[in-house]
Amino acid sequence: MDTSIIIGLDIGLVLTIVYVLDRNVFYAIYLILSGIPTWIELRIRQTILGIRLNLDKQSLRPGPVGRFLRDRELRAIQRNPAYREFFQDKVQSDSLPEGED
């Protein structure tokens, strides 16, 4: 029991000395700990970007895998509502005003 009290006092003494010598140590530890979620999210996004770039690189290669990836990307673009008008099969006859052929 005496050793646990001595260890606790030693840890308290070390923390007091560190605080007296440099009061920004605890703030630095806080900054490091608060940056960990950002670092983890950065690694996740870096991995996702690497996978997407690898898939794009594979789609430029000839062969069945490249053809499949190109077709998949084209279907995704065709299904996008913003680009749907560019892929319509029928041409609207009302596009030009009358008399301006």
PDB file of N, CA and C in Angstrom:
ATOM      1  N   MET A   1       0.818  -1.182   0.000  1.00  0.00           N
ATOM      2  CA  MET A   1       0.000   0.000   0.000  1.00  0.00           C
ATOM      3  C   MET A   1       0.870   1.257   0.000  1.00  0.00           C
ATOM      4  N   ASP A   2       2.001   1.196   0.660  1.00  0.00           N
ATOM      5  CA  ASP A   2       2.881   2.355   0.712  1.00  0.00           C
ATOM      6  C   ASP A   2       3.479   2.662  -0.660  1.00  0.00           C
ATOM      7  N   THR A   3       3.746   1.623  -1.441  1.00  0.00           N
ATOM      8  CA  THR A   3       4.337   1.850  -2.765  1.00  0.00           C
ATOM      9  C   THR A   3       3.347   2.539  -3.704  1.00  0.00           C
ATOM     10  N   SER A   4       2.062   2.234  -3.604  1.00  0.00           N
ATOM     11  CA  SER A   4       1.088   2.888  -4.478  1.00  0.00           C
ATOM     12  C   SER A   4       0.962   4.371  -4.139  1.00  0.00           C
ATOM     13  N   ILE A   5       1.083   4.700  -2.869  1.00  0.00           N
ATOM     14  CA  ILE A   5       1.032   6.112  -2.470  1.00  0.00           C
ATOM     15  C   ILE A   5       2.275   6.832  -2.982  1.00  0.00           C
ATOM     16  N   ILE A   6       3.417   6.182  -2.904  1.00  0.00           N
ATOM     17  CA  ILE A   6       4.669   6.793  -3.361  1.00  0.00           C
ATOM     18  C   ILE A   6       4.633   6.970  -4.883  1.00  0.00           C
ATOM     19  N   ILE A   7       4.119   5.975  -5.605  1.00  0.00           N
ATOM     20  CA  ILE A   7       4.017   6.091  -7.071  1.00  0.00           C
ATOM     21  C   ILE A   7       3.064   7.217  -7.437  1.00  0.00           C
ATOM     22  N   GLY A   8       1.959   7.332  -6.741  1.00  0.00           N
ATOM     23  CA  GLY A   8       1.013   8.416  -6.996  1.00  0.00           C
ATOM     24  C   GLY A   8       1.613   9.774  -6.727  1.00  0.00           C
ATOM     25  N   LEU A   9       2.386   9.882  -5.638  1.00  0.00           N
ATOM     26  CA  LEU A   9       3.051  11.148  -5.335  1.00  0.00           C
ATOM     27  C   LEU A   9       4.121  11.471  -6.374  1.00  0.00           C
ATOM     28  N   ASP A  10       4.828  10.450  -6.847  1.00  0.00           N
ATOM     29  CA  ASP A  10       5.850  10.664  -7.878  1.00  0.00           C
ATOM     30  C   ASP A  10       5.214  11.174  -9.172  1.00  0.00           C
ATOM     31  N   ILE A  11       4.115  10.574  -9.554  1.00  0.00           N
ATOM     32  CA  ILE A  11       3.438  11.011 -10.781  1.00  0.00           C
ATOM     33  C   ILE A  11       2.924  12.438 -10.611  1.00  0.00           C
ATOM     34  N   GLY A  12       2.372  12.730  -9.462  1.00  0.00           N
ATOM     35  CA  GLY A  12       1.901  14.090  -9.195  1.00  0.00           C
ATOM     36  C   GLY A  12       3.039  15.090  -9.199  1.00  0.00           C
ATOM     37  N   LEU A  13       4.186  14.702  -8.636  1.00  0.00           N
ATOM     38  CA  LEU A  13       5.352  15.583  -8.617  1.00  0.00           C
ATOM     39  C   LEU A  13       5.871  15.835 -10.026  1.00  0.00           C
ATOM     40  N   VAL A  14       5.924  14.790 -10.842  1.00  0.00           N
ATOM     41  CA  VAL A  14       6.385  14.948 -12.227  1.00  0.00           C
ATOM     42  C   VAL A  14       5.433  15.861 -13.001  1.00  0.00           C
ATOM     43  N   LEU A  15       4.140  15.680 -12.847  1.00  0.00           N
ATOM     44  CA  LEU A  15       3.172  16.525 -13.545  1.00  0.00           C
ATOM     45  C   LEU A  15       3.267  17.980 -13.063  1.00  0.00           C
ATOM     46  N   THR A  16       3.503  18.172 -11.785  1.00  0.00           N
ATOM     47  CA  THR A  16       3.658  19.536 -11.261  1.00  0.00           C
ATOM     48  C   THR A  16       4.904  20.199 -11.828  1.00  0.00           C
ATOM     49  N   ILE A  17       6.008  19.453 -11.911  1.00  0.00           N
ATOM     50  CA  ILE A  17       7.246  20.010 -12.469  1.00  0.00           C
ATOM     51  C   ILE A  17       7.064  20.353 -13.938  1.00  0.00           C
ATOM     52  N   VAL A  18       6.418  19.457 -14.673  1.00  0.00           N
ATOM     53  CA  VAL A  18       6.174  19.726 -16.093  1.00  0.00           C
ATOM     54  C   VAL A  18       5.281  20.949 -16.255  1.00  0.00           C
ATOM     55  N   TYR A  19       4.270  21.083 -15.434  1.00  0.00           N
ATOM     56  CA  TYR A  19       3.373  22.230 -15.526  1.00  0.00           C
ATOM     57  C   TYR A  19       4.091  23.528 -15.181  1.00  0.00           C
ATOM     58  N   VAL A  20       4.958  23.480 -14.187  1.00  0.00           N
ATOM     59  CA  VAL A  20       5.683  24.691 -13.793  1.00  0.00           C
ATOM     60  C   VAL A  20       6.683  25.077 -14.867  1.00  0.00           C
ATOM     61  N   LEU A  21       7.386  24.093 -15.441  1.00  0.00           N
ATOM     62  CA  LEU A  21       8.394  24.399 -16.450  1.00  0.00           C
ATOM     63  C   LEU A  21       7.775  24.876 -17.755  1.00  0.00           C
ATOM     64  N   ASP A  22       6.739  24.222 -18.172  1.00  0.00           N
ATOM     65  CA  ASP A  22       6.118  24.609 -19.444  1.00  0.00           C
ATOM     66  C   ASP A  22       4.610  24.441 -19.313  1.00  0.00           C
ATOM     67  N   ARG A  23       3.913  25.541 -19.163  1.00  0.00           N
ATOM     68  CA  ARG A  23       2.470  25.484 -18.938  1.00  0.00           C
ATOM     69  C   ARG A  23       1.699  25.146 -20.200  1.00  0.00           C
ATOM     70  N   ASN A  24       2.327  25.226 -21.353  1.00  0.00           N
ATOM     71  CA  ASN A  24       1.634  24.909 -22.607  1.00  0.00           C
ATOM     72  C   ASN A  24       1.660  23.426 -22.947  1.00  0.00           C
ATOM     73  N   VAL A  25       2.280  22.604 -22.100  1.00  0.00           N
ATOM     74  CA  VAL A  25       2.345  21.170 -22.377  1.00  0.00           C
ATOM     75  C   VAL A  25       0.939  20.571 -22.422  1.00  0.00           C
ATOM     76  N   PHE A  26       0.105  20.920 -21.480  1.00  0.00           N
ATOM     77  CA  PHE A  26      -1.245  20.360 -21.455  1.00  0.00           C
ATOM     78  C   PHE A  26      -2.071  20.850 -22.644  1.00  0.00           C
ATOM     79  N   TYR A  27      -1.853  22.089 -23.044  1.00  0.00           N
ATOM     80  CA  TYR A  27      -2.550  22.603 -24.225  1.00  0.00           C
ATOM     81  C   TYR A  27      -2.044  21.904 -25.485  1.00  0.00           C
ATOM     82  N   ALA A  28      -0.753  21.611 -25.539  1.00  0.00           N
ATOM     83  CA  ALA A  28      -0.204  20.878 -26.682  1.00  0.00           C
ATOM     84  C   ALA A  28      -0.776  19.469 -26.743  1.00  0.00           C
ATOM     85  N   ILE A  29      -0.902  18.826 -25.606  1.00  0.00           N
ATOM     86  CA  ILE A  29      -1.510  17.488 -25.571  1.00  0.00           C
ATOM     87  C   ILE A  29      -2.970  17.563 -25.999  1.00  0.00           C
ATOM     88  N   TYR A  30      -3.660  18.591 -25.563  1.00  0.00           N
ATOM     89  CA  TYR A  30      -5.055  18.778 -25.980  1.00  0.00           C
ATOM     90  C   TYR A  30      -5.144  18.960 -27.495  1.00  0.00           C
ATOM     91  N   LEU A  31      -4.251  19.756 -28.069  1.00  0.00           N
ATOM     92  CA  LEU A  31      -4.270  19.970 -29.516  1.00  0.00           C
ATOM     93  C   LEU A  31      -3.989  18.684 -30.279  1.00  0.00           C
ATOM     94  N   ILE A  32      -3.051  17.900 -29.783  1.00  0.00           N
ATOM     95  CA  ILE A  32      -2.733  16.628 -30.443  1.00  0.00           C
ATOM     96  C   ILE A  32      -3.931  15.688 -30.382  1.00  0.00           C
ATOM     97  N   LEU A  33      -4.552  15.588 -29.221  1.00  0.00           N
ATOM     98  CA  LEU A  33      -5.707  14.696 -29.082  1.00  0.00           C
ATOM     99  C   LEU A  33      -6.907  15.176 -29.892  1.00  0.00           C
ATOM    100  N   SER A  34      -7.086  16.489 -29.995  1.00  0.00           N
ATOM    101  CA  SER A  34      -8.217  16.991 -30.771  1.00  0.00           C
ATOM    102  C   SER A  34      -7.973  16.861 -32.275  1.00  0.00           C
ATOM    103  N   GLY A  35      -6.717  16.700 -32.695  1.00  0.00           N
ATOM    104  CA  GLY A  35      -6.409  16.531 -34.112  1.00  0.00           C
ATOM    105  C   GLY A  35      -6.521  15.108 -34.603  1.00  0.00           C
ATOM    106  N   ILE A  36      -6.676  14.150 -33.706  1.00  0.00           N
ATOM    107  CA  ILE A  36      -6.736  12.742 -34.104  1.00  0.00           C
ATOM    108  C   ILE A  36      -7.952  12.442 -34.988  1.00  0.00           C
ATOM    109  N   PRO A  37      -9.171  12.923 -34.684  1.00  0.00           N
ATOM    110  CA  PRO A  37     -10.292  12.645 -35.599  1.00  0.00           C
ATOM    111  C   PRO A  37     -10.078  13.212 -36.999  1.00  0.00           C
ATOM    112  N   THR A  38      -9.461  14.369 -37.096  1.00  0.00           N
ATOM    113  CA  THR A  38      -9.173  14.952 -38.410  1.00  0.00           C
ATOM    114  C   THR A  38      -8.166  14.096 -39.157  1.00  0.00           C
ATOM    115  N   TRP A  39      -7.165  13.610 -38.463  1.00  0.00           N
ATOM    116  CA  TRP A  39      -6.149  12.760 -39.088  1.00  0.00           C
ATOM    117  C   TRP A  39      -6.782  11.467 -39.597  1.00  0.00           C
ATOM    118  N   ILE A  40      -7.679  10.873 -38.808  1.00  0.00           N
ATOM    119  CA  ILE A  40      -8.343   9.634 -39.224  1.00  0.00           C
ATOM    120  C   ILE A  40      -9.207   9.884 -40.457  1.00  0.00           C
ATOM    121  N   GLU A  41      -9.973  10.979 -40.463  1.00  0.00           N
ATOM    122  CA  GLU A  41     -10.810  11.296 -41.617  1.00  0.00           C
ATOM    123  C   GLU A  41      -9.958  11.559 -42.855  1.00  0.00           C
ATOM    124  N   LEU A  42      -8.828  12.210 -42.679  1.00  0.00           N
ATOM    125  CA  LEU A  42      -7.914  12.454 -43.788  1.00  0.00           C
ATOM    126  C   LEU A  42      -7.416  11.143 -44.380  1.00  0.00           C
ATOM    127  N   ARG A  43      -7.051  10.191 -43.552  1.00  0.00           N
ATOM    128  CA  ARG A  43      -6.581   8.887 -44.050  1.00  0.00           C
ATOM    129  C   ARG A  43      -7.699   8.143 -44.787  1.00  0.00           C
ATOM    130  N   ILE A  44      -8.924   8.231 -44.278  1.00  0.00           N
ATOM    131  CA  ILE A  44     -10.047   7.559 -44.941  1.00  0.00           C
ATOM    132  C   ILE A  44     -10.284   8.174 -46.311  1.00  0.00           C
ATOM    133  N   ARG A  45     -10.320   9.495 -46.387  1.00  0.00           N
ATOM    134  CA  ARG A  45     -10.551  10.167 -47.676  1.00  0.00           C
ATOM    135  C   ARG A  45      -9.397   9.935 -48.638  1.00  0.00           C
ATOM    136  N   GLN A  46      -8.170   9.850 -48.128  1.00  0.00           N
ATOM    137  CA  GLN A  46      -7.019   9.571 -48.974  1.00  0.00           C
ATOM    138  C   GLN A  46      -7.126   8.168 -49.572  1.00  0.00           C
ATOM    139  N   THR A  47      -7.586   7.215 -48.799  1.00  0.00           N
ATOM    140  CA  THR A  47      -7.758   5.859 -49.301  1.00  0.00           C
ATOM    141  C   THR A  47      -8.849   5.806 -50.359  1.00  0.00           C
ATOM    142  N   ILE A  48      -9.969   6.467 -50.108  1.00  0.00           N
ATOM    143  CA  ILE A  48     -11.064   6.476 -51.081  1.00  0.00           C
ATOM    144  C   ILE A  48     -10.622   7.136 -52.383  1.00  0.00           C
ATOM    145  N   LEU A  49      -9.909   8.248 -52.283  1.00  0.00           N
ATOM    146  CA  LEU A  49      -9.416   8.921 -53.485  1.00  0.00           C
ATOM    147  C   LEU A  49      -8.440   8.040 -54.248  1.00  0.00           C
ATOM    148  N   GLY A  50      -7.571   7.332 -53.542  1.00  0.00           N
ATOM    149  CA  GLY A  50      -6.638   6.424 -54.197  1.00  0.00           C
ATOM    150  C   GLY A  50      -7.352   5.309 -54.938  1.00  0.00           C
ATOM    151  N   ILE A  51      -8.410   4.774 -54.345  1.00  0.00           N
ATOM    152  CA  ILE A  51      -9.178   3.711 -55.007  1.00  0.00           C
ATOM    153  C   ILE A  51      -9.867   4.257 -56.255  1.00  0.00           C
ATOM    154  N   ARG A  52     -10.461   5.448 -56.145  1.00  0.00           N
ATOM    155  CA  ARG A  52     -11.137   6.031 -57.317  1.00  0.00           C
ATOM    156  C   ARG A  52     -10.161   6.335 -58.436  1.00  0.00           C
ATOM    157  N   LEU A  53      -8.982   6.865 -58.099  1.00  0.00           N
ATOM    158  CA  LEU A  53      -7.981   7.142 -59.128  1.00  0.00           C
ATOM    159  C   LEU A  53      -7.484   5.861 -59.775  1.00  0.00           C
ATOM    160  N   ASN A  54      -7.350   4.807 -58.990  1.00  0.00           N
ATOM    161  CA  ASN A  54      -6.927   3.524 -59.542  1.00  0.00           C
ATOM    162  C   ASN A  54      -7.986   2.972 -60.494  1.00  0.00           C
ATOM    163  N   LEU A  55      -9.265   3.100 -60.122  1.00  0.00           N
ATOM    164  CA  LEU A  55     -10.334   2.649 -61.016  1.00  0.00           C
ATOM    165  C   LEU A  55     -10.362   3.464 -62.310  1.00  0.00           C
ATOM    166  N   ASP A  56     -10.154   4.782 -62.199  1.00  0.00           N
ATOM    167  CA  ASP A  56     -10.109   5.615 -63.402  1.00  0.00           C
ATOM    168  C   ASP A  56      -8.934   5.226 -64.295  1.00  0.00           C
ATOM    169  N   LYS A  57      -7.808   4.907 -63.686  1.00  0.00           N
ATOM    170  CA  LYS A  57      -6.645   4.495 -64.462  1.00  0.00           C
ATOM    171  C   LYS A  57      -6.917   3.156 -65.151  1.00  0.00           C
ATOM    172  N   GLN A  58      -7.609   2.257 -64.461  1.00  0.00           N
ATOM    173  CA  GLN A  58      -7.942   0.963 -65.049  1.00  0.00           C
ATOM    174  C   GLN A  58      -8.928   1.113 -66.201  1.00  0.00           C
ATOM    175  N   SER A  59      -9.810   2.113 -66.131  1.00  0.00           N
ATOM    176  CA  SER A  59     -10.809   2.285 -67.184  1.00  0.00           C
ATOM    177  C   SER A  59     -10.184   2.788 -68.481  1.00  0.00           C
ATOM    178  N   LEU A  60      -8.975   3.347 -68.426  1.00  0.00           N
ATOM    179  CA  LEU A  60      -8.314   3.816 -69.640  1.00  0.00           C
ATOM    180  C   LEU A  60      -7.563   2.703 -70.363  1.00  0.00           C
ATOM    181  N   ARG A  61      -7.408   1.557 -69.736  1.00  0.00           N
ATOM    182  CA  ARG A  61      -6.681   0.456 -70.346  1.00  0.00           C
ATOM    183  C   ARG A  61      -7.606  -0.356 -71.254  1.00  0.00           C
ATOM    184  N   PRO A  62      -7.054  -0.883 -72.339  1.00  0.00           N
ATOM    185  CA  PRO A  62      -7.876  -1.737 -73.203  1.00  0.00           C
ATOM    186  C   PRO A  62      -8.148  -3.072 -72.515  1.00  0.00           C
ATOM    187  N   GLY A  63      -9.207  -3.698 -72.925  1.00  0.00           N
ATOM    188  CA  GLY A  63      -9.536  -4.992 -72.347  1.00  0.00           C
ATOM    189  C   GLY A  63     -10.928  -4.988 -71.748  1.00  0.00           C
ATOM    190  N   PRO A  64     -11.352  -6.146 -71.268  1.00  0.00           N
ATOM    191  CA  PRO A  64     -12.723  -6.256 -70.742  1.00  0.00           C
ATOM    192  C   PRO A  64     -12.953  -5.445 -69.470  1.00  0.00           C
ATOM    193  N   VAL A  65     -11.978  -5.360 -68.599  1.00  0.00           N
ATOM    194  CA  VAL A  65     -12.164  -4.600 -67.360  1.00  0.00           C
ATOM    195  C   VAL A  65     -12.286  -3.112 -67.670  1.00  0.00           C
ATOM    196  N   GLY A  66     -11.436  -2.604 -68.541  1.00  0.00           N
ATOM    197  CA  GLY A  66     -11.510  -1.200 -68.930  1.00  0.00           C
ATOM    198  C   GLY A  66     -12.815  -0.873 -69.614  1.00  0.00           C
ATOM    199  N   ARG A  67     -13.267  -1.764 -70.496  1.00  0.00           N
ATOM    200  CA  ARG A  67     -14.542  -1.557 -71.192  1.00  0.00           C
ATOM    201  C   ARG A  67     -15.701  -1.546 -70.193  1.00  0.00           C
ATOM    202  N   PHE A  68     -15.672  -2.482 -69.249  1.00  0.00           N
ATOM    203  CA  PHE A  68     -16.735  -2.541 -68.241  1.00  0.00           C
ATOM    204  C   PHE A  68     -16.773  -1.256 -67.409  1.00  0.00           C
ATOM    205  N   LEU A  69     -15.611  -0.779 -66.976  1.00  0.00           N
ATOM    206  CA  LEU A  69     -15.572   0.437 -66.161  1.00  0.00           C
ATOM    207  C   LEU A  69     -16.010   1.662 -66.953  1.00  0.00           C
ATOM    208  N   ARG A  70     -15.643   1.743 -68.246  1.00  0.00           N
ATOM    209  CA  ARG A  70     -16.087   2.872 -69.079  1.00  0.00           C
ATOM    210  C   ARG A  70     -17.595   2.842 -69.266  1.00  0.00           C
ATOM    211  N   ASP A  71     -18.143   1.660 -69.532  1.00  0.00           N
ATOM    212  CA  ASP A  71     -19.600   1.544 -69.703  1.00  0.00           C
ATOM    213  C   ASP A  71     -20.333   1.899 -68.416  1.00  0.00           C
ATOM    214  N   ARG A  72     -19.791   1.470 -67.293  1.00  0.00           N
ATOM    215  CA  ARG A  72     -20.416   1.782 -66.003  1.00  0.00           C
ATOM    216  C   ARG A  72     -20.426   3.294 -65.746  1.00  0.00           C
ATOM    217  N   GLU A  73     -19.321   3.954 -66.067  1.00  0.00           N
ATOM    218  CA  GLU A  73     -19.239   5.405 -65.876  1.00  0.00           C
ATOM    219  C   GLU A  73     -20.197   6.137 -66.817  1.00  0.00           C
ATOM    220  N   LEU A  74     -20.299   5.665 -68.062  1.00  0.00           N
ATOM    221  CA  LEU A  74     -21.215   6.281 -69.018  1.00  0.00           C
ATOM    222  C   LEU A  74     -22.666   6.130 -68.575  1.00  0.00           C
ATOM    223  N   ARG A  75     -23.023   4.944 -68.058  1.00  0.00           N
ATOM    224  CA  ARG A  75     -24.396   4.747 -67.554  1.00  0.00           C
ATOM    225  C   ARG A  75     -24.679   5.658 -66.364  1.00  0.00           C
ATOM    226  N   ALA A  76     -23.690   5.861 -65.505  1.00  0.00           N
ATOM    227  CA  ALA A  76     -23.889   6.757 -64.356  1.00  0.00           C
ATOM    228  C   ALA A  76     -24.100   8.192 -64.829  1.00  0.00           C
ATOM    229  N   ILE A  77     -23.382   8.605 -65.855  1.00  0.00           N
ATOM    230  CA  ILE A  77     -23.560   9.959 -66.388  1.00  0.00           C
ATOM    231  C   ILE A  77     -24.925  10.083 -67.056  1.00  0.00           C
ATOM    232  N   GLN A  78     -25.343   9.065 -67.795  1.00  0.00           N
ATOM    233  CA  GLN A  78     -26.638   9.119 -68.479  1.00  0.00           C
ATOM    234  C   GLN A  78     -27.796   9.160 -67.489  1.00  0.00           C
ATOM    235  N   ARG A  79     -27.646   8.515 -66.329  1.00  0.00           N
ATOM    236  CA  ARG A  79     -28.712   8.514 -65.327  1.00  0.00           C
ATOM    237  C   ARG A  79     -28.758   9.800 -64.511  1.00  0.00           C
ATOM    238  N   ASN A  80     -27.736  10.626 -64.593  1.00  0.00           N
ATOM    239  CA  ASN A  80     -27.689  11.874 -63.835  1.00  0.00           C
ATOM    240  C   ASN A  80     -28.718  12.850 -64.413  1.00  0.00           C
ATOM    241  N   PRO A  81     -29.618  13.391 -63.600  1.00  0.00           N
ATOM    242  CA  PRO A  81     -30.647  14.296 -64.122  1.00  0.00           C
ATOM    243  C   PRO A  81     -30.076  15.566 -64.752  1.00  0.00           C
ATOM    244  N   ALA A  82     -28.911  15.996 -64.331  1.00  0.00           N
ATOM    245  CA  ALA A  82     -28.339  17.221 -64.888  1.00  0.00           C
ATOM    246  C   ALA A  82     -27.908  17.032 -66.339  1.00  0.00           C
ATOM    247  N   TYR A  83     -27.564  15.809 -66.724  1.00  0.00           N
ATOM    248  CA  TYR A  83     -27.081  15.551 -68.082  1.00  0.00           C
ATOM    249  C   TYR A  83     -28.089  14.768 -68.927  1.00  0.00           C
ATOM    250  N   ARG A  84     -29.262  14.531 -68.403  1.00  0.00           N
ATOM    251  CA  ARG A  84     -30.231  13.695 -69.087  1.00  0.00           C
ATOM    252  C   ARG A  84     -30.628  14.264 -70.450  1.00  0.00           C
ATOM    253  N   GLU A  85     -30.702  15.573 -70.568  1.00  0.00           N
ATOM    254  CA  GLU A  85     -31.141  16.192 -71.821  1.00  0.00           C
ATOM    255  C   GLU A  85     -30.156  15.934 -72.959  1.00  0.00           C
ATOM    256  N   PHE A  86     -28.903  15.681 -72.660  1.00  0.00           N
ATOM    257  CA  PHE A  86     -27.912  15.446 -73.703  1.00  0.00           C
ATOM    258  C   PHE A  86     -27.993  14.031 -74.273  1.00  0.00           C
ATOM    259  N   PHE A  87     -28.680  13.129 -73.594  1.00  0.00           N
ATOM    260  CA  PHE A  87     -28.737  11.744 -74.021  1.00  0.00           C
ATOM    261  C   PHE A  87     -30.130  11.318 -74.468  1.00  0.00           C
ATOM    262  N   GLN A  88     -31.021  12.269 -74.732  1.00  0.00           N
ATOM    263  CA  GLN A  88     -32.353  11.924 -75.208  1.00  0.00           C
ATOM    264  C   GLN A  88     -32.260  11.499 -76.669  1.00  0.00           C
ATOM    265  N   ASP A  89     -33.025  10.463 -77.025  1.00  0.00           N
ATOM    266  CA  ASP A  89     -32.957   9.924 -78.383  1.00  0.00           C
ATOM    267  C   ASP A  89     -33.692  10.788 -79.395  1.00  0.00           C
ATOM    268  N   LYS A  90     -34.843  11.314 -79.018  1.00  0.00           N
ATOM    269  CA  LYS A  90     -35.626  12.075 -79.994  1.00  0.00           C
ATOM    270  C   LYS A  90     -35.217  13.547 -79.969  1.00  0.00           C
ATOM    271  N   VAL A  91     -35.168  14.146 -81.118  1.00  0.00           N
ATOM    272  CA  VAL A  91     -34.831  15.552 -81.267  1.00  0.00           C
ATOM    273  C   VAL A  91     -36.125  16.336 -81.265  1.00  0.00           C
ATOM    274  N   GLN A  92     -36.157  17.393 -80.496  1.00  0.00           N
ATOM    275  CA  GLN A  92     -37.377  18.183 -80.436  1.00  0.00           C
ATOM    276  C   GLN A  92     -37.447  19.083 -81.656  1.00  0.00           C
ATOM    277  N   SER A  93     -38.594  19.071 -82.312  1.00  0.00           N
ATOM    278  CA  SER A  93     -38.755  19.894 -83.507  1.00  0.00           C
ATOM    279  C   SER A  93     -39.022  21.355 -83.151  1.00  0.00           C
ATOM    280  N   ASP A  94     -39.325  21.648 -81.899  1.00  0.00           N
ATOM    281  CA  ASP A  94     -39.614  23.015 -81.480  1.00  0.00           C
ATOM    282  C   ASP A  94     -38.346  23.791 -81.141  1.00  0.00           C
ATOM    283  N   SER A  95     -37.193  23.211 -81.351  1.00  0.00           N
ATOM    284  CA  SER A  95     -35.975  23.856 -80.896  1.00  0.00           C
ATOM    285  C   SER A  95     -35.681  25.136 -81.681  1.00  0.00           C
ATOM    286  N   LEU A  96     -36.048  25.218 -82.950  1.00  0.00           N
ATOM    287  CA  LEU A  96     -35.828  26.429 -83.743  1.00  0.00           C
ATOM    288  C   LEU A  96     -37.142  27.157 -83.950  1.00  0.00           C
ATOM    289  N   PRO A  97     -37.127  28.479 -83.876  1.00  0.00           N
ATOM    290  CA  PRO A  97     -38.360  29.214 -84.177  1.00  0.00           C
ATOM    291  C   PRO A  97     -38.723  29.045 -85.656  1.00  0.00           C
ATOM    292  N   GLU A  98     -39.969  29.237 -85.938  1.00  0.00           N
ATOM    293  CA  GLU A  98     -40.445  29.055 -87.321  1.00  0.00           C
ATOM    294  C   GLU A  98     -39.794  30.061 -88.246  1.00  0.00           C
ATOM    295  N   GLY A  99     -39.392  29.579 -89.394  1.00  0.00           N
ATOM    296  CA  GLY A  99     -38.802  30.442 -90.400  1.00  0.00           C
ATOM    297  C   GLY A  99     -37.297  30.596 -90.257  1.00  0.00           C
ATOM    298  N   GLU A 100     -36.694  30.046 -89.267  1.00  0.00           N
ATOM    299  CA  GLU A 100     -35.242  30.141 -89.099  1.00  0.00           C
ATOM    300  C   GLU A 100     -34.637  28.768 -89.215  1.00  0.00           C
ATOM    301  N   ASP A 101     -34.545  28.233 -90.407  1.00  0.00           N
ATOM    302  CA  ASP A 101     -33.965  26.900 -90.621  1.00  0.00           C
ATOM    303  C   ASP A 101     -32.514  26.997 -90.816  1.00  0.00           C
TER     304      ASP A 101
END
